[in-house]
C-alpha atoms as a PDB file:
ATOM      1  CA  UNK A   1       4.574 -20.846 -51.279  1.00  0.00           C
ATOM      2  CA  UNK A   2       3.362 -24.555 -52.189  1.00  0.00           C
ATOM      3  CA  UNK A   3       0.449 -25.911 -50.408  1.00  0.00           C
ATOM      4  CA  UNK A   4       0.760 -29.037 -48.370  1.00  0.00           C
ATOM      5  CA  UNK A   5      -0.820 -32.189 -50.358  1.00  0.00           C
ATOM      6  CA  UNK A   6      -4.113 -32.269 -47.905  1.00  0.00           C
ATOM      7  CA  UNK A   7      -4.915 -28.774 -49.104  1.00  0.00           C
ATOM      8  CA  UNK A   8      -4.048 -29.887 -52.690  1.00  0.00           C
ATOM      9  CA  UNK A   9      -6.748 -32.640 -52.642  1.00  0.00           C
ATOM     10  CA  UNK A  10      -8.780 -30.586 -50.352  1.00  0.00           C
ATOM     11  CA  UNK A  11      -8.967 -27.711 -53.329  1.00  0.00           C
ATOM     12  CA  UNK A  12      -9.948 -30.485 -56.020  1.00  0.00           C
ATOM     13  CA  UNK A  13     -13.099 -31.719 -53.622  1.00  0.00           C
ATOM     14  CA  UNK A  14     -13.798 -28.269 -53.162  1.00  0.00           C
ATOM     15  CA  UNK A  15     -14.063 -27.575 -57.155  1.00  0.00           C
ATOM     16  CA  UNK A  16     -16.080 -31.144 -57.326  1.00  0.00           C
ATOM     17  CA  UNK A  17     -18.418 -29.566 -55.055  1.00  0.00           C
ATOM     18  CA  UNK A  18     -19.406 -27.212 -57.352  1.00  0.00           C
ATOM     19  CA  UNK A  19     -21.118 -29.681 -59.098  1.00  0.00           C
ATOM     20  CA  UNK A  20     -23.699 -30.142 -56.504  1.00  0.00           C
ATOM     21  CA  UNK A  21     -27.306 -29.725 -56.673  1.00  0.00           C
ATOM     22  CA  UNK A  22     -28.253 -29.162 -53.100  1.00  0.00           C
ATOM     23  CA  UNK A  23     -30.249 -26.185 -52.132  1.00  0.00           C
ATOM     24  CA  UNK A  24     -28.852 -26.696 -48.688  1.00  0.00           C
ATOM     25  CA  UNK A  25     -25.306 -27.726 -48.680  1.00  0.00           C
ATOM     26  CA  UNK A  26     -23.072 -28.992 -51.420  1.00  0.00           C
ATOM     27  CA  UNK A  27     -20.261 -31.290 -50.446  1.00  0.00           C
ATOM     28  CA  UNK A  28     -17.310 -32.678 -52.909  1.00  0.00           C
ATOM     29  CA  UNK A  29     -15.529 -35.842 -52.193  1.00  0.00           C
ATOM     30  CA  UNK A  30     -12.355 -36.988 -53.421  1.00  0.00           C
ATOM     31  CA  UNK A  31     -10.813 -40.945 -52.627  1.00  0.00           C
ATOM     32  CA  UNK A  32      -7.121 -40.700 -52.710  1.00  0.00           C
ATOM     33  CA  UNK A  33      -4.667 -43.970 -52.954  1.00  0.00           C
ATOM     34  CA  UNK A  34      -0.868 -43.721 -53.155  1.00  0.00           C
ATOM     35  CA  UNK A  35      -0.854 -39.830 -54.358  1.00  0.00           C
ATOM     36  CA  UNK A  36      -3.544 -40.946 -56.873  1.00  0.00           C
ATOM     37  CA  UNK A  37      -7.259 -40.137 -57.427  1.00  0.00           C
ATOM     38  CA  UNK A  38      -9.220 -43.195 -57.482  1.00  0.00           C
ATOM     39  CA  UNK A  39     -12.933 -41.564 -57.558  1.00  0.00           C
ATOM     40  CA  UNK A  40     -14.602 -38.556 -56.940  1.00  0.00           C
ATOM     41  CA  UNK A  41     -18.241 -37.468 -56.088  1.00  0.00           C
ATOM     42  CA  UNK A  42     -20.703 -34.745 -55.579  1.00  0.00           C
ATOM     43  CA  UNK A  43     -24.413 -34.382 -53.961  1.00  0.00           C
ATOM     44  CA  UNK A  44     -26.921 -35.064 -56.570  1.00  0.00           C
ATOM     45  CA  UNK A  45     -30.172 -36.780 -57.290  1.00  0.00           C
ATOM     46  CA  UNK A  46     -29.871 -40.577 -58.726  1.00  0.00           C
ATOM     47  CA  UNK A  47     -29.131 -40.639 -62.499  1.00  0.00           C
ATOM     48  CA  UNK A  48     -32.430 -39.675 -64.422  1.00  0.00           C
ATOM     49  CA  UNK A  49     -33.919 -37.796 -61.381  1.00  0.00           C
ATOM     50  CA  UNK A  50     -34.571 -34.568 -60.936  1.00  0.00           C
ATOM     51  CA  UNK A  51     -32.262 -32.413 -58.888  1.00  0.00           C
ATOM     52  CA  UNK A  52     -33.319 -30.228 -56.074  1.00  0.00           C
ATOM     53  CA  UNK A  53     -31.760 -27.275 -58.069  1.00  0.00           C
ATOM     54  CA  UNK A  54     -33.992 -27.987 -60.813  1.00  0.00           C
ATOM     55  CA  UNK A  55     -37.096 -28.539 -59.065  1.00  0.00           C
ATOM     56  CA  UNK A  56     -36.343 -25.226 -56.905  1.00  0.00           C
ATOM     57  CA  UNK A  57     -37.445 -27.043 -53.681  1.00  0.00           C
ATOM     58  CA  UNK A  58     -35.597 -29.078 -50.643  1.00  0.00           C
ATOM     59  CA  UNK A  59     -38.261 -31.124 -48.658  1.00  0.00           C
ATOM     60  CA  UNK A  60     -35.912 -31.256 -46.066  1.00  0.00           C
ATOM     61  CA  UNK A  61     -35.874 -27.528 -45.880  1.00  0.00           C
ATOM     62  CA  UNK A  62     -39.462 -27.227 -46.154  1.00  0.00           C
ATOM     63  CA  UNK A  63     -39.891 -29.554 -43.392  1.00  0.00           C
ATOM     64  CA  UNK A  64     -37.167 -27.393 -41.119  1.00  0.00           C
ATOM     65  CA  UNK A  65     -35.522 -30.818 -40.789  1.00  0.00           C
ATOM     66  CA  UNK A  66     -32.132 -30.062 -38.578  1.00  0.00           C
ATOM     67  CA  UNK A  67     -29.047 -31.167 -40.709  1.00  0.00           C
ATOM     68  CA  UNK A  68     -27.502 -35.099 -39.961  1.00  0.00           C
ATOM     69  CA  UNK A  69     -31.506 -35.990 -39.631  1.00  0.00           C
ATOM     70  CA  UNK A  70     -33.943 -37.878 -41.698  1.00  0.00           C
ATOM     71  CA  UNK A  71     -32.012 -38.365 -44.962  1.00  0.00           C
ATOM     72  CA  UNK A  72     -34.741 -40.712 -46.220  1.00  0.00           C
ATOM     73  CA  UNK A  73     -36.480 -37.807 -46.996  1.00  0.00           C
ATOM     74  CA  UNK A  74     -33.520 -36.420 -49.284  1.00  0.00           C
ATOM     75  CA  UNK A  75     -33.548 -36.983 -53.151  1.00  0.00           C
ATOM     76  CA  UNK A  76     -29.844 -36.866 -53.363  1.00  0.00           C
ATOM     77  CA  UNK A  77     -26.769 -39.262 -53.095  1.00  0.00           C
ATOM     78  CA  UNK A  78     -23.974 -37.607 -50.827  1.00  0.00           C
ATOM     79  CA  UNK A  79     -20.534 -37.039 -52.331  1.00  0.00           C
ATOM     80  CA  UNK A  80     -18.923 -39.776 -50.177  1.00  0.00           C
ATOM     81  CA  UNK A  81     -21.232 -42.255 -51.563  1.00  0.00           C
ATOM     82  CA  UNK A  82     -21.091 -41.093 -55.096  1.00  0.00           C
ATOM     83  CA  UNK A  83     -17.050 -41.241 -54.854  1.00  0.00           C
ATOM     84  CA  UNK A  84     -17.555 -44.821 -53.340  1.00  0.00           C
ATOM     85  CA  UNK A  85     -20.162 -46.020 -55.900  1.00  0.00           C
ATOM     86  CA  UNK A  86     -17.338 -44.810 -58.395  1.00  0.00           C
ATOM     87  CA  UNK A  87     -14.576 -46.721 -57.472  1.00  0.00           C
ATOM     88  CA  UNK A  88     -13.608 -50.572 -56.507  1.00  0.00           C
ATOM     89  CA  UNK A  89     -13.148 -51.489 -53.160  1.00  0.00           C
ATOM     90  CA  UNK A  90     -10.015 -53.161 -53.772  1.00  0.00           C
ATOM     91  CA  UNK A  91      -8.664 -49.643 -55.016  1.00  0.00           C
ATOM     92  CA  UNK A  92     -10.003 -47.901 -51.951  1.00  0.00           C
ATOM     93  CA  UNK A  93      -8.494 -50.358 -49.208  1.00  0.00           C
ATOM     94  CA  UNK A  94      -6.454 -47.889 -46.727  1.00  0.00           C
ATOM     95  CA  UNK A  95      -7.082 -44.953 -49.124  1.00  0.00           C
ATOM     96  CA  UNK A  96      -8.000 -41.316 -48.016  1.00  0.00           C
ATOM     97  CA  UNK A  97     -11.168 -39.320 -48.391  1.00  0.00           C
ATOM     98  CA  UNK A  98     -11.129 -35.912 -48.573  1.00  0.00           C
ATOM     99  CA  UNK A  99     -14.326 -33.984 -47.819  1.00  0.00           C
ATOM    100  CA  UNK A 100     -15.447 -30.566 -48.396  1.00  0.00           C
ATOM    101  CA  UNK A 101     -18.791 -29.025 -47.773  1.00  0.00           C
ATOM    102  CA  UNK A 102     -20.032 -25.368 -49.089  1.00  0.00           C
ATOM    103  CA  UNK A 103     -23.367 -23.983 -47.700  1.00  0.00           C
ATOM    104  CA  UNK A 104     -25.572 -23.133 -50.644  1.00  0.00           C
ATOM    105  CA  UNK A 105     -26.772 -19.657 -49.618  1.00  0.00           C
ATOM    106  CA  UNK A 106     -23.693 -18.195 -48.581  1.00  0.00           C
ATOM    107  CA  UNK A 107     -20.978 -20.341 -49.910  1.00  0.00           C
ATOM    108  CA  UNK A 108     -19.210 -20.386 -46.549  1.00  0.00           C
ATOM    109  CA  UNK A 109     -17.551 -23.690 -45.305  1.00  0.00           C
ATOM    110  CA  UNK A 110     -20.023 -25.948 -43.539  1.00  0.00           C
ATOM    111  CA  UNK A 111     -18.949 -25.669 -39.850  1.00  0.00           C
ATOM    112  CA  UNK A 112     -18.113 -29.015 -38.147  1.00  0.00           C
ATOM    113  CA  UNK A 113     -18.620 -31.058 -41.273  1.00  0.00           C
ATOM    114  CA  UNK A 114     -18.723 -34.835 -40.991  1.00  0.00           C
ATOM    115  CA  UNK A 115     -20.182 -37.728 -42.694  1.00  0.00           C
ATOM    116  CA  UNK A 116     -23.533 -38.597 -41.920  1.00  0.00           C
ATOM    117  CA  UNK A 117     -24.502 -42.119 -40.381  1.00  0.00           C
ATOM    118  CA  UNK A 118     -25.248 -44.015 -43.697  1.00  0.00           C
ATOM    119  CA  UNK A 119     -21.667 -42.498 -45.357  1.00  0.00           C
ATOM    120  CA  UNK A 120     -19.784 -43.236 -41.967  1.00  0.00           C
ATOM    121  CA  UNK A 121     -20.848 -47.206 -42.578  1.00  0.00           C
ATOM    122  CA  UNK A 122     -20.420 -47.079 -46.182  1.00  0.00           C
ATOM    123  CA  UNK A 123     -16.578 -45.411 -45.641  1.00  0.00           C
ATOM    124  CA  UNK A 124     -15.924 -48.520 -42.989  1.00  0.00           C
ATOM    125  CA  UNK A 125     -17.259 -51.260 -45.453  1.00  0.00           C
ATOM    126  CA  UNK A 126     -15.321 -49.500 -48.334  1.00  0.00           C
ATOM    127  CA  UNK A 127     -11.912 -49.736 -46.234  1.00  0.00           C
ATOM    128  CA  UNK A 128     -11.083 -46.176 -46.478  1.00  0.00           C
ATOM    129  CA  UNK A 129      -8.411 -45.617 -43.409  1.00  0.00           C
ATOM    130  CA  UNK A 130      -9.412 -41.474 -43.172  1.00  0.00           C
ATOM    131  CA  UNK A 131     -11.119 -38.986 -43.971  1.00  0.00           C
ATOM    132  CA  UNK A 132      -9.997 -35.512 -44.129  1.00  0.00           C
ATOM    133  CA  UNK A 133     -12.428 -32.770 -43.969  1.00  0.00           C
ATOM    134  CA  UNK A 134     -11.674 -28.804 -44.790  1.00  0.00           C
ATOM    135  CA  UNK A 135     -12.610 -26.077 -41.759  1.00  0.00           C
ATOM    136  CA  UNK A 136     -10.969 -23.635 -43.661  1.00  0.00           C
ATOM    137  CA  UNK A 137      -9.332 -22.923 -46.658  1.00  0.00           C
ATOM    138  CA  UNK A 138      -6.415 -23.884 -45.091  1.00  0.00           C
ATOM    139  CA  UNK A 139      -7.181 -25.643 -41.830  1.00  0.00           C
ATOM    140  CA  UNK A 140      -8.748 -29.330 -41.590  1.00  0.00           C
ATOM    141  CA  UNK A 141      -9.218 -32.149 -39.521  1.00  0.00           C
ATOM    142  CA  UNK A 142      -8.256 -35.731 -40.139  1.00  0.00           C
ATOM    143  CA  UNK A 143     -10.081 -38.381 -38.571  1.00  0.00           C
ATOM    144  CA  UNK A 144      -9.174 -42.051 -38.431  1.00  0.00           C
ATOM    145  CA  UNK A 145     -12.006 -44.164 -39.866  1.00  0.00           C
ATOM    146  CA  UNK A 146     -11.320 -46.631 -36.895  1.00  0.00           C
ATOM    147  CA  UNK A 147     -12.877 -44.215 -34.723  1.00  0.00           C
ATOM    148  CA  UNK A 148     -16.034 -44.445 -36.454  1.00  0.00           C
ATOM    149  CA  UNK A 149     -15.956 -48.064 -35.408  1.00  0.00           C
ATOM    150  CA  UNK A 150     -14.823 -47.311 -31.992  1.00  0.00           C
ATOM    151  CA  UNK A 151     -17.222 -44.507 -31.488  1.00  0.00           C
ATOM    152  CA  UNK A 152     -20.574 -45.910 -32.522  1.00  0.00           C
ATOM    153  CA  UNK A 153     -23.171 -43.173 -32.228  1.00  0.00           C
ATOM    154  CA  UNK A 154     -25.912 -45.315 -33.491  1.00  0.00           C
ATOM    155  CA  UNK A 155     -25.728 -47.395 -30.284  1.00  0.00           C
ATOM    156  CA  UNK A 156     -26.490 -43.921 -28.302  1.00  0.00           C
ATOM    157  CA  UNK A 157     -29.357 -43.347 -30.793  1.00  0.00           C
ATOM    158  CA  UNK A 158     -27.514 -39.813 -31.344  1.00  0.00           C
ATOM    159  CA  UNK A 159     -28.917 -37.560 -34.075  1.00  0.00           C
ATOM    160  CA  UNK A 160     -27.249 -35.613 -36.398  1.00  0.00           C
ATOM    161  CA  UNK A 161     -23.572 -34.189 -36.236  1.00  0.00           C
END
């Protein structure tokens, strides 16, 4: 049986996540417009800096920082960010970002995965129209980026996701 297009691009994002270097969660992102891949990105330290997997520790993990909080202590650039900085804004207008998160320890899908607050802001400014996030091998959630604008959690000081 032939898989649908969303799962096709989510499978590619999942493969991209395998390049991730995080010791907590690895995400893969694929930006698609008009059925063409514009850019991909995965979690990793900035070019030239050591990755957590090379250092053998994660500062956020050592400090028991909850998911979605204190990203200024993270060494990595997020998958969404890496994909966005690899593409031109002109190409991202009205595109779709496909996102898959895999837990490092047990290789399961990240439950209730969502872009962090900073990634949401970048996704909005990039002109991306929707984000498709894998929940299971075949199920996914589609989020309209307009909802990120309407539901501005930063106004209420909501932490995490």
